[in-house]
Amino acid sequence: MVGVKCPRRNCTSISLASLSAQIGRAQRGAYGTAKANLFGFTKALAMGLAPFKTNVNPISPGSVMTPMLHLNAPEVPEARLESIPLLGI
């Protein structure tokens, strides 16, 4: 059981997952597996916290432009930029 530290009911918990858990990437198996496990943990947490009316959800942002992204796949960022629908906002 998870201890709930919420001053009231109807709290929210958000876990930071990744699209890699859903689509998979070559040579990134461990990362995708870890994030897929996070989805399973989030589901279990949601079931455990349901009696406390706590909303538990994962979010899966896309790539975040960081130096690490350029180190891991220097040719990919430009292609990824073109696939972001809300880039111009």
Protein backbone atom coordinates (compact mmCIF):
# COMPACT_ATOMS: atom_id res chain seq x y z
CA MET A 1 0.00 0.00 0.00
CA VAL A 2 1.16 3.51 -0.72
CA GLY A 3 1.07 6.16 1.97
CA VAL A 4 -0.96 9.13 0.81
CA LYS A 5 0.33 12.54 1.84
CA CYS A 6 -2.39 14.72 0.51
CA PRO A 7 -4.15 17.30 2.68
CA ARG A 8 -7.41 16.54 0.94
CA ARG A 9 -8.90 13.97 -1.38
CA ASN A 10 -8.98 14.41 -5.14
CA CYS A 11 -5.20 14.76 -5.53
CA THR A 12 -3.28 14.17 -8.74
CA SER A 13 -0.08 12.25 -9.41
CA ILE A 14 1.76 12.47 -12.73
CA SER A 15 4.61 10.20 -13.79
CA LEU A 16 6.96 11.16 -16.58
CA ALA A 17 6.99 8.33 -19.09
CA SER A 18 8.27 8.33 -22.67
CA LEU A 19 7.13 7.55 -26.17
CA SER A 20 10.02 5.07 -26.25
CA ALA A 21 7.90 2.77 -24.08
CA GLN A 22 5.29 2.60 -26.82
CA ILE A 23 7.22 2.70 -30.07
CA GLY A 24 10.62 1.27 -29.13
CA ARG A 25 13.93 2.33 -30.60
CA ALA A 26 16.94 0.39 -31.81
CA GLN A 27 19.77 0.26 -29.29
CA ARG A 28 17.54 1.85 -26.62
CA GLY A 29 15.96 -1.33 -25.26
CA ALA A 30 16.84 -0.73 -21.61
CA TYR A 31 15.45 2.81 -21.67
CA GLY A 32 12.21 1.73 -23.38
CA THR A 33 11.84 -1.18 -20.97
CA ALA A 34 12.28 1.07 -17.94
CA LYS A 35 9.69 3.50 -19.23
CA ALA A 36 7.27 0.66 -20.07
CA ASN A 37 7.67 -0.54 -16.48
CA LEU A 38 6.75 2.96 -15.38
CA PHE A 39 3.44 2.61 -17.25
CA GLY A 40 2.74 -0.61 -15.33
CA PHE A 41 3.68 0.97 -12.02
CA THR A 42 1.44 3.95 -12.77
CA LYS A 43 -1.51 1.64 -13.44
CA ALA A 44 -0.88 -0.20 -10.17
CA LEU A 45 -0.55 3.09 -8.31
CA ALA A 46 -3.83 4.30 -9.81
CA MET A 47 -5.58 1.18 -8.55
CA GLY A 48 -4.04 1.55 -5.10
CA LEU A 49 -4.92 5.22 -4.78
CA ALA A 50 -8.42 4.98 -6.27
CA PRO A 51 -10.06 4.73 -2.81
CA PHE A 52 -8.49 8.10 -2.00
CA LYS A 53 -9.92 9.63 -5.18
CA THR A 54 -6.41 10.35 -6.42
CA ASN A 55 -5.96 10.70 -10.16
CA VAL A 56 -2.77 9.01 -11.40
CA ASN A 57 -1.60 9.42 -14.99
CA PRO A 58 1.57 9.07 -17.03
CA ILE A 59 2.54 11.68 -19.60
CA SER A 60 4.77 10.91 -22.57
CA PRO A 61 6.44 13.99 -23.98
CA GLY A 62 8.34 13.75 -27.20
CA SER A 63 12.01 14.53 -27.58
CA VAL A 64 13.40 17.43 -25.61
CA MET A 65 16.16 19.35 -27.31
CA THR A 66 19.13 18.86 -25.03
CA PRO A 67 22.84 18.31 -25.69
CA MET A 68 22.30 14.62 -24.89
CA LEU A 69 19.80 14.30 -27.74
CA HIS A 70 22.42 15.60 -30.17
CA LEU A 71 25.05 13.23 -28.77
CA ASN A 72 22.82 10.16 -29.07
CA ALA A 73 21.52 10.84 -32.56
CA PRO A 74 23.03 13.93 -34.22
CA GLU A 75 21.12 13.41 -37.47
CA VAL A 76 17.70 12.91 -35.87
CA PRO A 77 16.76 16.29 -34.33
CA GLU A 78 15.98 17.99 -37.64
CA ALA A 79 13.66 15.16 -38.70
CA ARG A 80 11.99 15.22 -35.29
CA LEU A 81 11.46 18.98 -35.48
CA GLU A 82 9.54 18.57 -38.71
CA SER A 83 7.21 16.03 -37.08
CA ILE A 84 6.15 18.31 -34.18
CA PRO A 85 2.67 19.66 -34.97
CA LEU A 86 2.72 22.48 -32.41
CA LEU A 87 6.24 23.69 -33.10
CA GLY A 88 5.08 27.06 -34.39
CA ILE A 89 3.12 27.90 -31.26
